[in-house]
Amino acid sequence: MLNRSQVETFMEMMFEEKAIELPEDIELEDIVEAFCQYTNDDLDEWLKLRFSAFFLLTSGEGHINWNWVRQSINAL
């Protein structure tokens, strides 16, 4: 789900900010792919939780509070 190009840009920025030098035997593209795979499972779970929080704001019955959703849209 992560955009590899954006992650690569982020990694380059973080490596520069933290003064981290890559070992010669490790390619940035390989780190980007490994990091994306590492974070995708967490991201999927986080998105599911945020989905539930966004749409299931009323009682435990799982009814969607469409008025709250409309307010959120209108606040953009």
N, C-alpha and C. Protein backbone atom coordinates (compact mmCIF):
# COMPACT_ATOMS: atom_id res chain seq x y z
N MET A 1 0.81 -1.20 0.00
CA MET A 1 0.00 0.00 0.00
C MET A 1 0.85 1.27 0.00
N LEU A 2 2.05 1.16 0.53
CA LEU A 2 2.90 2.34 0.59
C LEU A 2 3.47 2.66 -0.78
N ASN A 3 3.59 3.91 -1.06
CA ASN A 3 4.18 4.37 -2.30
C ASN A 3 5.70 4.29 -2.17
N ARG A 4 6.29 3.38 -2.91
CA ARG A 4 7.73 3.13 -2.79
C ARG A 4 8.56 4.39 -3.06
N SER A 5 8.14 5.18 -4.02
CA SER A 5 8.86 6.40 -4.35
C SER A 5 8.85 7.38 -3.18
N GLN A 6 7.70 7.53 -2.55
CA GLN A 6 7.61 8.43 -1.39
C GLN A 6 8.43 7.90 -0.22
N VAL A 7 8.38 6.59 -0.02
CA VAL A 7 9.17 5.99 1.06
C VAL A 7 10.66 6.19 0.79
N GLU A 8 11.08 6.04 -0.46
CA GLU A 8 12.49 6.24 -0.79
C GLU A 8 12.91 7.68 -0.49
N THR A 9 12.09 8.64 -0.87
CA THR A 9 12.39 10.05 -0.59
C THR A 9 12.45 10.28 0.92
N PHE A 10 11.51 9.70 1.65
CA PHE A 10 11.50 9.82 3.10
C PHE A 10 12.78 9.21 3.70
N MET A 11 13.15 8.03 3.22
CA MET A 11 14.35 7.36 3.73
C MET A 11 15.59 8.22 3.47
N GLU A 12 15.71 8.74 2.27
CA GLU A 12 16.86 9.58 1.95
C GLU A 12 16.93 10.78 2.89
N MET A 13 15.78 11.38 3.14
CA MET A 13 15.72 12.54 4.04
C MET A 13 16.12 12.14 5.47
N MET A 14 15.60 11.01 5.94
CA MET A 14 15.91 10.57 7.30
C MET A 14 17.37 10.17 7.44
N PHE A 15 17.91 9.48 6.43
CA PHE A 15 19.32 9.09 6.49
C PHE A 15 20.20 10.34 6.54
N GLU A 16 19.85 11.35 5.76
CA GLU A 16 20.63 12.58 5.76
C GLU A 16 20.49 13.29 7.11
N GLU A 17 19.26 13.40 7.59
CA GLU A 17 19.00 14.09 8.86
C GLU A 17 19.73 13.40 10.03
N LYS A 18 19.77 12.09 10.01
CA LYS A 18 20.38 11.32 11.10
C LYS A 18 21.84 10.98 10.82
N ALA A 19 22.36 11.47 9.69
CA ALA A 19 23.76 11.22 9.29
C ALA A 19 24.06 9.72 9.25
N ILE A 20 23.16 8.97 8.60
CA ILE A 20 23.33 7.53 8.45
C ILE A 20 23.86 7.25 7.05
N GLU A 21 24.93 6.49 6.99
CA GLU A 21 25.49 6.09 5.71
C GLU A 21 25.17 4.62 5.47
N LEU A 22 24.70 4.30 4.28
CA LEU A 22 24.39 2.92 3.93
C LEU A 22 25.68 2.13 3.70
N PRO A 23 25.69 0.90 4.17
CA PRO A 23 26.83 0.04 3.82
C PRO A 23 26.87 -0.18 2.31
N GLU A 24 28.04 -0.41 1.78
CA GLU A 24 28.19 -0.56 0.33
C GLU A 24 27.43 -1.76 -0.22
N ASP A 25 27.22 -2.78 0.60
CA ASP A 25 26.57 -4.00 0.11
C ASP A 25 25.04 -3.98 0.24
N ILE A 26 24.47 -2.84 0.64
CA ILE A 26 23.02 -2.73 0.77
C ILE A 26 22.52 -1.59 -0.12
N GLU A 27 21.60 -1.91 -1.00
CA GLU A 27 21.02 -0.92 -1.91
C GLU A 27 19.83 -0.24 -1.24
N LEU A 28 19.67 1.03 -1.51
CA LEU A 28 18.54 1.78 -0.97
C LEU A 28 17.22 1.15 -1.37
N GLU A 29 17.11 0.70 -2.62
CA GLU A 29 15.87 0.08 -3.10
C GLU A 29 15.50 -1.15 -2.27
N ASP A 30 16.52 -1.92 -1.86
CA ASP A 30 16.27 -3.10 -1.04
C ASP A 30 15.77 -2.71 0.35
N ILE A 31 16.35 -1.65 0.91
CA ILE A 31 15.89 -1.17 2.21
C ILE A 31 14.45 -0.67 2.10
N VAL A 32 14.15 0.06 1.05
CA VAL A 32 12.80 0.58 0.86
C VAL A 32 11.79 -0.57 0.80
N GLU A 33 12.09 -1.59 0.03
CA GLU A 33 11.18 -2.73 -0.10
C GLU A 33 11.01 -3.46 1.23
N ALA A 34 12.11 -3.69 1.93
CA ALA A 34 12.03 -4.38 3.22
C ALA A 34 11.25 -3.55 4.23
N PHE A 35 11.46 -2.24 4.24
CA PHE A 35 10.74 -1.36 5.16
C PHE A 35 9.25 -1.35 4.83
N CYS A 36 8.91 -1.30 3.55
CA CYS A 36 7.50 -1.29 3.14
C CYS A 36 6.81 -2.59 3.57
N GLN A 37 7.47 -3.71 3.38
CA GLN A 37 6.89 -4.98 3.80
C GLN A 37 6.76 -5.04 5.32
N TYR A 38 7.75 -4.52 6.00
CA TYR A 38 7.75 -4.48 7.47
C TYR A 38 6.58 -3.67 8.02
N THR A 39 6.27 -2.55 7.37
CA THR A 39 5.24 -1.66 7.88
C THR A 39 3.83 -1.96 7.35
N ASN A 40 3.72 -2.67 6.23
CA ASN A 40 2.40 -2.89 5.64
C ASN A 40 1.44 -3.62 6.57
N ASP A 41 1.89 -4.62 7.31
CA ASP A 41 1.00 -5.32 8.23
C ASP A 41 0.46 -4.37 9.29
N ASP A 42 1.34 -3.56 9.85
CA ASP A 42 0.90 -2.59 10.85
C ASP A 42 -0.05 -1.56 10.24
N LEU A 43 0.26 -1.14 9.02
CA LEU A 43 -0.58 -0.16 8.35
C LEU A 43 -1.98 -0.69 8.10
N ASP A 44 -2.08 -1.95 7.66
CA ASP A 44 -3.39 -2.55 7.42
C ASP A 44 -4.22 -2.56 8.70
N GLU A 45 -3.62 -2.96 9.81
CA GLU A 45 -4.33 -3.00 11.08
C GLU A 45 -4.73 -1.60 11.52
N TRP A 46 -3.81 -0.64 11.36
CA TRP A 46 -4.09 0.74 11.74
C TRP A 46 -5.25 1.30 10.91
N LEU A 47 -5.25 1.02 9.60
CA LEU A 47 -6.33 1.50 8.75
C LEU A 47 -7.68 0.90 9.16
N LYS A 48 -7.69 -0.37 9.52
CA LYS A 48 -8.94 -1.01 9.97
C LYS A 48 -9.45 -0.34 11.23
N LEU A 49 -8.56 -0.06 12.17
CA LEU A 49 -8.97 0.62 13.40
C LEU A 49 -9.49 2.02 13.12
N ARG A 50 -8.80 2.75 12.26
CA ARG A 50 -9.22 4.12 11.94
C ARG A 50 -10.54 4.11 11.18
N PHE A 51 -10.75 3.12 10.30
CA PHE A 51 -12.01 2.98 9.57
C PHE A 51 -13.15 2.83 10.56
N SER A 52 -12.97 1.92 11.51
CA SER A 52 -14.01 1.69 12.51
C SER A 52 -14.26 2.94 13.34
N ALA A 53 -13.20 3.63 13.72
CA ALA A 53 -13.35 4.84 14.51
C ALA A 53 -14.07 5.93 13.72
N PHE A 54 -13.79 6.02 12.44
CA PHE A 54 -14.40 7.06 11.61
C PHE A 54 -15.87 6.80 11.35
N PHE A 55 -16.23 5.56 11.05
CA PHE A 55 -17.59 5.25 10.65
C PHE A 55 -18.49 4.73 11.77
N LEU A 56 -17.93 4.13 12.78
CA LEU A 56 -18.76 3.52 13.81
C LEU A 56 -18.70 4.35 15.08
N LEU A 57 -19.26 5.54 14.99
CA LEU A 57 -19.14 6.49 16.09
C LEU A 57 -20.32 6.46 17.05
N THR A 58 -21.36 5.72 16.72
CA THR A 58 -22.53 5.68 17.60
C THR A 58 -22.44 4.48 18.51
N SER A 59 -23.54 4.04 19.01
CA SER A 59 -23.57 2.94 19.98
C SER A 59 -22.87 1.70 19.43
N GLY A 60 -22.65 0.73 20.29
CA GLY A 60 -21.96 -0.49 19.92
C GLY A 60 -22.69 -1.32 18.89
N GLU A 61 -23.83 -0.86 18.42
CA GLU A 61 -24.60 -1.62 17.42
C GLU A 61 -24.00 -1.49 16.03
N GLY A 62 -23.03 -0.61 15.85
CA GLY A 62 -22.37 -0.48 14.57
C GLY A 62 -23.09 0.41 13.58
N HIS A 63 -24.00 1.24 14.05
CA HIS A 63 -24.68 2.17 13.15
C HIS A 63 -23.74 3.34 12.82
N ILE A 64 -23.72 3.69 11.56
CA ILE A 64 -22.86 4.79 11.12
C ILE A 64 -23.56 6.11 11.40
N ASN A 65 -22.83 7.02 11.99
CA ASN A 65 -23.34 8.36 12.26
C ASN A 65 -23.05 9.22 11.03
N TRP A 66 -23.96 9.17 10.06
CA TRP A 66 -23.73 9.88 8.79
C TRP A 66 -23.70 11.38 8.98
N ASN A 67 -24.35 11.91 9.99
CA ASN A 67 -24.27 13.35 10.25
C ASN A 67 -22.85 13.74 10.64
N TRP A 68 -22.19 12.90 11.46
CA TRP A 68 -20.81 13.18 11.83
C TRP A 68 -19.91 13.10 10.60
N VAL A 69 -20.15 12.12 9.74
CA VAL A 69 -19.37 11.99 8.50
C VAL A 69 -19.55 13.23 7.65
N ARG A 70 -20.80 13.69 7.49
CA ARG A 70 -21.06 14.91 6.70
C ARG A 70 -20.31 16.10 7.28
N GLN A 71 -20.33 16.23 8.61
CA GLN A 71 -19.62 17.34 9.25
C GLN A 71 -18.13 17.25 8.98
N SER A 72 -17.59 16.04 9.01
CA SER A 72 -16.17 15.85 8.72
C SER A 72 -15.83 16.26 7.29
N ILE A 73 -16.72 15.90 6.36
CA ILE A 73 -16.52 16.26 4.95
C ILE A 73 -16.61 17.78 4.78
N ASN A 74 -17.60 18.38 5.39
CA ASN A 74 -17.81 19.81 5.26
C ASN A 74 -16.70 20.63 5.91
N ALA A 75 -16.01 20.03 6.90
CA ALA A 75 -14.93 20.74 7.59
C ALA A 75 -13.66 20.81 6.74
N LEU A 76 -13.61 20.08 5.63
CA LEU A 76 -12.40 20.08 4.78
C LEU A 76 -12.19 21.41 4.12
